Amino acid sequence: MLSVDEQITSLDRLRELLPTEGFTNTFLKVTDRLNDVARQFIAQAPMVIIATKASDGLIDVSPRGDPAGFVEVYDDRTLIIPDRLGNHRVDGFHNLLEDPNVALLFVVPGHGDTLRIAGKARIVRDAAISKRHAVNGKEPLLALVVDVEEAFMHCSKAFIRSRLWHPDHWPARKSAPTLAEWVIATVDCDQTLDEVQEDHSADERARLY
């Protein structure tokens, strides 16, 4: 186990190191519903990251993406997220069957601030929802309905520090490992790297919707 100088084990000690003084707005900016600012942000977000928790305590974080505004604001307390074709692992859905608590992080490209939402989620199958969220004539089989309990905007420091939206700081496109390389490294299969990559590329071409 990693040896450290100190492990923080109490809220008192945490607040001793990170006091609340001077951060009044940080604690007062939380709301229990979706105001007009939240609605505008969601309408421009093509990406939402969803966090769920399994009964064994493991956390799953999964991205969901579609054209901006794909997450429907049904009312001030309800969001609807269509479920598109994936790898059928359904880790997040499996977790939600055990624990309905969910957290969402909405991201707008080039924008430093993010929108954080937490609440309870339900997996639904509904003809009207599927019809509203059809893309290229293809309707999602399922959707995630989120009952909002907490919402607030998060500052841009992480994006500033990471320079995520600055292309001149991006790594060379082919320098980062790929999913195909992960499969070759972890799965006992007879396929070559090129064959696995072609499988994934074909899946991306044929199964977006």
Protein backbone atom coordinates (compact mmCIF):
# COMPACT_ATOMS: atom_id res chain seq x y z
CA MET A 1 0.00 0.00 0.00
CA LEU A 2 1.16 3.52 -0.79
CA SER A 3 2.72 5.26 2.19
CA VAL A 4 1.58 8.88 2.73
CA ASP A 5 2.25 11.62 5.25
CA GLU A 6 -1.41 11.91 6.29
CA GLN A 7 -4.76 10.38 5.38
CA ILE A 8 -7.69 12.71 5.91
CA THR A 9 -10.37 10.81 7.85
CA SER A 10 -12.68 13.48 9.27
CA LEU A 11 -14.70 16.41 7.98
CA ASP A 12 -13.20 18.63 10.68
CA ARG A 13 -9.69 17.97 9.40
CA LEU A 14 -10.79 18.39 5.79
CA ARG A 15 -12.30 21.77 6.59
CA GLU A 16 -9.24 22.77 8.55
CA LEU A 17 -7.22 22.33 5.38
CA LEU A 18 -9.93 23.59 3.00
CA PRO A 19 -12.03 26.16 4.90
CA THR A 20 -15.37 27.48 3.66
CA GLU A 21 -14.67 31.14 4.41
CA GLY A 22 -14.75 33.31 1.32
CA PHE A 23 -16.69 30.80 -0.77
CA THR A 24 -20.27 31.84 0.07
CA ASN A 25 -21.61 31.64 -3.50
CA THR A 26 -20.13 28.17 -3.91
CA PHE A 27 -22.48 26.81 -1.28
CA LEU A 28 -25.51 28.95 -2.09
CA LYS A 29 -25.58 28.31 -5.86
CA VAL A 30 -27.22 24.88 -5.56
CA THR A 31 -30.86 24.49 -6.61
CA ASP A 32 -33.27 21.55 -6.58
CA ARG A 33 -34.69 22.22 -10.03
CA LEU A 34 -33.75 23.20 -13.57
CA ASN A 35 -33.84 26.97 -13.98
CA ASP A 36 -33.59 28.85 -17.28
CA VAL A 37 -29.78 28.87 -17.15
CA ALA A 38 -29.70 25.07 -16.77
CA ARG A 39 -32.16 24.68 -19.63
CA GLN A 40 -30.02 26.85 -21.92
CA PHE A 41 -26.86 24.94 -21.04
CA ILE A 42 -28.47 21.53 -21.61
CA ALA A 43 -29.81 22.74 -24.96
CA GLN A 44 -26.23 23.43 -26.11
CA ALA A 45 -24.61 20.32 -24.64
CA PRO A 46 -23.82 17.44 -27.03
CA MET A 47 -22.24 15.42 -24.23
CA VAL A 48 -23.32 14.27 -20.78
CA ILE A 49 -21.26 12.04 -18.49
CA ILE A 50 -23.31 9.73 -16.26
CA ALA A 51 -22.12 8.29 -12.93
CA THR A 52 -23.84 5.37 -11.20
CA LYS A 53 -22.94 3.08 -8.30
CA ALA A 54 -23.12 -0.71 -8.08
CA SER A 55 -24.24 -2.57 -4.97
CA ASP A 56 -20.62 -3.53 -4.29
CA GLY A 57 -19.68 0.15 -4.20
CA LEU A 58 -17.88 0.37 -7.54
CA ILE A 59 -18.63 3.54 -9.50
CA ASP A 60 -19.31 3.51 -13.26
CA VAL A 61 -18.84 6.67 -15.32
CA SER A 62 -20.12 6.59 -18.88
CA PRO A 63 -20.32 9.26 -21.62
CA ARG A 64 -23.44 9.86 -23.69
CA GLY A 65 -23.30 11.96 -26.83
CA ASP A 66 -25.61 13.13 -29.60
CA PRO A 67 -26.38 16.40 -31.39
CA ALA A 68 -26.57 19.33 -28.96
CA GLY A 69 -29.80 19.37 -26.99
CA PHE A 70 -30.40 15.63 -27.21
CA VAL A 71 -31.21 15.48 -23.49
CA GLU A 72 -34.83 16.51 -23.12
CA VAL A 73 -35.84 18.85 -20.32
CA TYR A 74 -39.34 17.49 -19.71
CA ASP A 75 -40.05 19.88 -16.84
CA ASP A 76 -38.22 21.71 -14.06
CA ARG A 77 -37.49 18.47 -12.22
CA THR A 78 -37.24 15.87 -14.99
CA LEU A 79 -34.70 15.01 -17.70
CA ILE A 80 -34.99 12.34 -20.40
CA ILE A 81 -31.83 10.82 -21.92
CA PRO A 82 -32.34 8.51 -24.94
CA ASP A 83 -30.28 5.32 -24.93
CA ARG A 84 -28.41 4.74 -28.18
CA LEU A 85 -26.79 1.58 -29.47
CA GLY A 86 -23.77 0.50 -27.43
CA ASN A 87 -21.76 -2.55 -26.44
CA HIS A 88 -24.57 -4.17 -24.41
CA ARG A 89 -22.51 -4.17 -21.20
CA VAL A 90 -25.25 -1.93 -19.68
CA ASP A 91 -23.06 -1.28 -16.61
CA GLY A 92 -24.89 1.92 -15.75
CA PHE A 93 -28.34 0.44 -16.24
CA HIS A 94 -27.38 -2.59 -14.17
CA ASN A 95 -26.24 -0.28 -11.38
CA LEU A 96 -29.44 1.74 -11.50
CA LEU A 97 -31.53 -1.39 -11.00
CA GLU A 98 -29.69 -1.76 -7.68
CA ASP A 99 -29.26 1.91 -6.73
CA PRO A 100 -31.24 4.69 -8.48
CA ASN A 101 -28.85 7.46 -7.46
CA VAL A 102 -27.24 9.14 -10.46
CA ALA A 103 -24.97 12.10 -11.19
CA LEU A 104 -24.66 13.94 -14.50
CA LEU A 105 -22.01 16.28 -15.89
CA PHE A 106 -23.02 18.30 -18.97
CA VAL A 107 -20.23 19.55 -21.22
CA VAL A 108 -20.35 22.17 -23.99
CA PRO A 109 -17.34 22.13 -26.38
CA GLY A 110 -15.09 25.15 -25.99
CA HIS A 111 -16.94 26.24 -22.84
CA GLY A 112 -15.12 26.17 -19.52
CA ASP A 113 -18.08 25.86 -17.16
CA THR A 114 -20.01 22.62 -16.69
CA LEU A 115 -23.45 21.78 -15.32
CA ARG A 116 -23.69 19.20 -12.54
CA ILE A 117 -26.95 17.43 -11.72
CA ALA A 118 -27.75 14.70 -9.21
CA GLY A 119 -30.93 12.80 -8.51
CA LYS A 120 -32.70 9.49 -9.01
CA ALA A 121 -33.00 7.69 -12.35
CA ARG A 122 -35.43 5.20 -13.91
CA ILE A 123 -34.96 3.02 -17.00
CA VAL A 124 -38.07 3.29 -19.15
CA ARG A 125 -39.52 2.01 -22.38
CA ASP A 126 -42.09 4.42 -23.76
CA ALA A 127 -43.42 4.77 -27.30
CA ALA A 128 -43.91 8.55 -27.14
CA ILE A 129 -40.40 9.15 -25.77
CA SER A 130 -38.84 6.85 -28.37
CA LYS A 131 -40.68 8.64 -31.17
CA ARG A 132 -39.57 12.09 -29.97
CA HIS A 133 -35.94 10.99 -29.81
CA ALA A 134 -35.71 9.15 -33.12
CA VAL A 135 -32.66 9.94 -35.28
CA ASN A 136 -32.59 9.03 -38.98
CA GLY A 137 -35.86 7.22 -38.44
CA LYS A 138 -34.38 4.97 -35.74
CA GLU A 139 -35.98 5.12 -32.32
CA PRO A 140 -34.13 4.33 -29.09
CA LEU A 141 -35.41 1.20 -27.38
CA LEU A 142 -34.96 2.60 -23.87
CA ALA A 143 -34.47 5.93 -22.15
CA LEU A 144 -33.24 7.18 -18.82
CA VAL A 145 -35.61 9.42 -16.85
CA VAL A 146 -33.79 11.47 -14.22
CA ASP A 147 -35.69 13.07 -11.34
CA VAL A 148 -33.56 16.09 -10.47
CA GLU A 149 -32.70 16.71 -6.82
CA GLU A 150 -29.66 18.97 -7.13
CA ALA A 151 -28.25 21.20 -9.86
CA PHE A 152 -25.45 23.75 -10.05
CA MET A 153 -22.84 25.15 -12.41
CA HIS A 154 -19.16 24.27 -11.90
CA CYS A 155 -16.29 26.67 -12.58
CA SER A 156 -13.85 26.35 -15.48
CA LYS A 157 -10.54 25.82 -13.64
CA ALA A 158 -10.20 22.17 -14.69
CA PHE A 159 -10.57 23.04 -18.37
CA ILE A 160 -8.20 25.97 -18.04
CA ARG A 161 -5.53 23.87 -16.33
CA SER A 162 -5.91 20.96 -18.75
CA ARG A 163 -6.13 23.21 -21.83
CA LEU A 164 -8.65 20.72 -23.10
CA TRP A 165 -10.17 23.09 -25.63
CA HIS A 166 -6.81 24.26 -27.03
CA PRO A 167 -5.93 22.18 -30.14
CA ASP A 168 -2.32 23.35 -30.01
CA HIS A 169 -1.96 21.37 -26.76
CA TRP A 170 -3.61 18.19 -28.02
CA PRO A 171 -1.38 15.12 -28.44
CA ALA A 172 -0.76 13.70 -31.89
CA ARG A 173 -3.98 11.94 -32.91
CA LYS A 174 -2.42 8.48 -33.17
CA SER A 175 -0.21 8.72 -30.09
CA ALA A 176 -2.87 7.74 -27.55
CA PRO A 177 -3.75 4.02 -27.18
CA THR A 178 -6.95 2.80 -28.82
CA LEU A 179 -9.77 0.54 -27.70
CA ALA A 180 -8.48 -2.06 -30.15
CA GLU A 181 -5.09 -2.02 -28.45
CA TRP A 182 -6.81 -2.50 -25.09
CA VAL A 183 -8.68 -5.53 -26.42
CA ILE A 184 -5.47 -7.11 -27.73
CA ALA A 185 -3.77 -6.47 -24.38
CA THR A 186 -6.57 -7.91 -22.21
CA VAL A 187 -8.57 -10.44 -24.25
CA ASP A 188 -7.31 -13.87 -25.26
CA CYS A 189 -8.35 -13.86 -28.91
CA ASP A 190 -6.97 -14.94 -32.28
CA GLN A 191 -7.58 -11.63 -34.02
CA THR A 192 -4.84 -9.25 -35.03
CA LEU A 193 -4.83 -5.60 -33.97
CA ASP A 194 -5.92 -4.54 -37.46
CA GLU A 195 -8.82 -7.01 -37.41
CA VAL A 196 -10.04 -5.80 -34.03
CA GLN A 197 -9.75 -2.19 -35.17
CA GLU A 198 -11.76 -2.93 -38.30
CA ASP A 199 -14.48 -4.58 -36.20
CA HIS A 200 -14.71 -1.44 -34.08
CA SER A 201 -14.65 0.85 -37.09
CA ALA A 202 -17.42 -1.15 -38.78
CA ASP A 203 -19.47 -0.96 -35.57
CA GLU A 204 -19.05 2.82 -35.52
CA ARG A 205 -20.17 3.08 -39.13
CA ALA A 206 -23.19 0.82 -38.84
CA ARG A 207 -24.46 1.15 -35.27
CA LEU A 208 -24.53 4.83 -34.33
CA TYR A 209 -28.35 4.70 -34.32
